[in-house]
Amino acid sequence: MSLRTIAVTGGNGQVGRFVLAHLQEHGYRTVNLSRGSRRESVADEYRRTNLLDAGEVYASLASSDADGLVHLGMVPRPDSGPGHVTFESNVMTTYHVLEAAQNLDIDSVAVASSMSALGAGFDPDPVRLDYLPVDESHPVDPRDPYALGKRVLEQTAEGIARRNDGPKTVSTVRFPIAMDDDRMRETLVDADRSLGTVRDAPFYHSARNTLFAYVHLDDLAALFRRCIAADFSGHETFWAAAAETTVDCPTATLVEEVYPDAVTRRDVSDHESLVDTSKAARTLGWTPTRSWRECR
């Protein structure tokens, strides 16, 4: 599949800016489709687009002459507005961009899901785990509006990819908190990351529910590019995460103390992540390269 122009929805956001820059570095022409005024200077073209309006989505994509599409333009957090608004943003924008991609013969689409699809992240209850490390086959248990929306968008992507005339390749990417260098230094490198200290912190519930996982924005952008360039047929979901946890204690100790009821399906060594990204490695040739420990 020969790709020249990639449309990126939500290119004004943090992840979007990194994806646009990464695509440009790899020779793609890019078009940013975002609501509101432009807040980046990387894309070759900007089209102001309300992604909840199917007509605007169709018109902007048609004018962009895009060969591929990365869909990031959704409400990024569930605590910024009512639950139904968050759910609508996750689900309906995804439906609109996939329908438009189908009708405009855009054969490669990658969509931002979230670790929350597992049932983690913003839910007030503890994450429910069957086994560790988690992979794409682990049961999902979304409950809050954000998590439900992310899971429904995955199913929407799968269904549209099954259509005879749907996009050839559709990826959904689940990822935890994404950090740039400054955020990584502030949050991880310059902080006390002992388990005892993290347990006393106000963010402990979220860290526990997201398996003490993170991903660097450079690695995440690289994964979206590889999804767009992939040649598999149909829909696939991929986990994205750094190769390590965000705490100092060994991962085996972390599992024993925080997730004692989860089955550990294989030995975990050193500070190994509890998110298994081997499917992305096998299918896309992607492995995370950035480590907060190497920034010390």
Foldseek 3Di string as FASTA:
>chain_A
DDFAEEEEEPLLDPLNVLLLQVVVVVHHAYEYEYADDHNDDRHPYYDHADLLDLVRLLVVVLVRVGQEYEYDHADPDCPPDDLVRRLCRLARSLLSNQVSCLVNVNQFYEYEAALCLQVAAPDPDARDAAAWLDFPPTDRDHDGSNNVSSNNSLVSQQVQLPDPSTRFAYEYEYFYAEAEPVCLCVPFVVDAQAPVVLVPDPCNRRCRRSQQWYAYSNLVSVLRVLRRVFDHGGYDYFYDTAQFGRHQDAVVVVCVVRVVPHHYPDDGGGRGGRHDGVVCCVRRVGHGDDDSVVVD
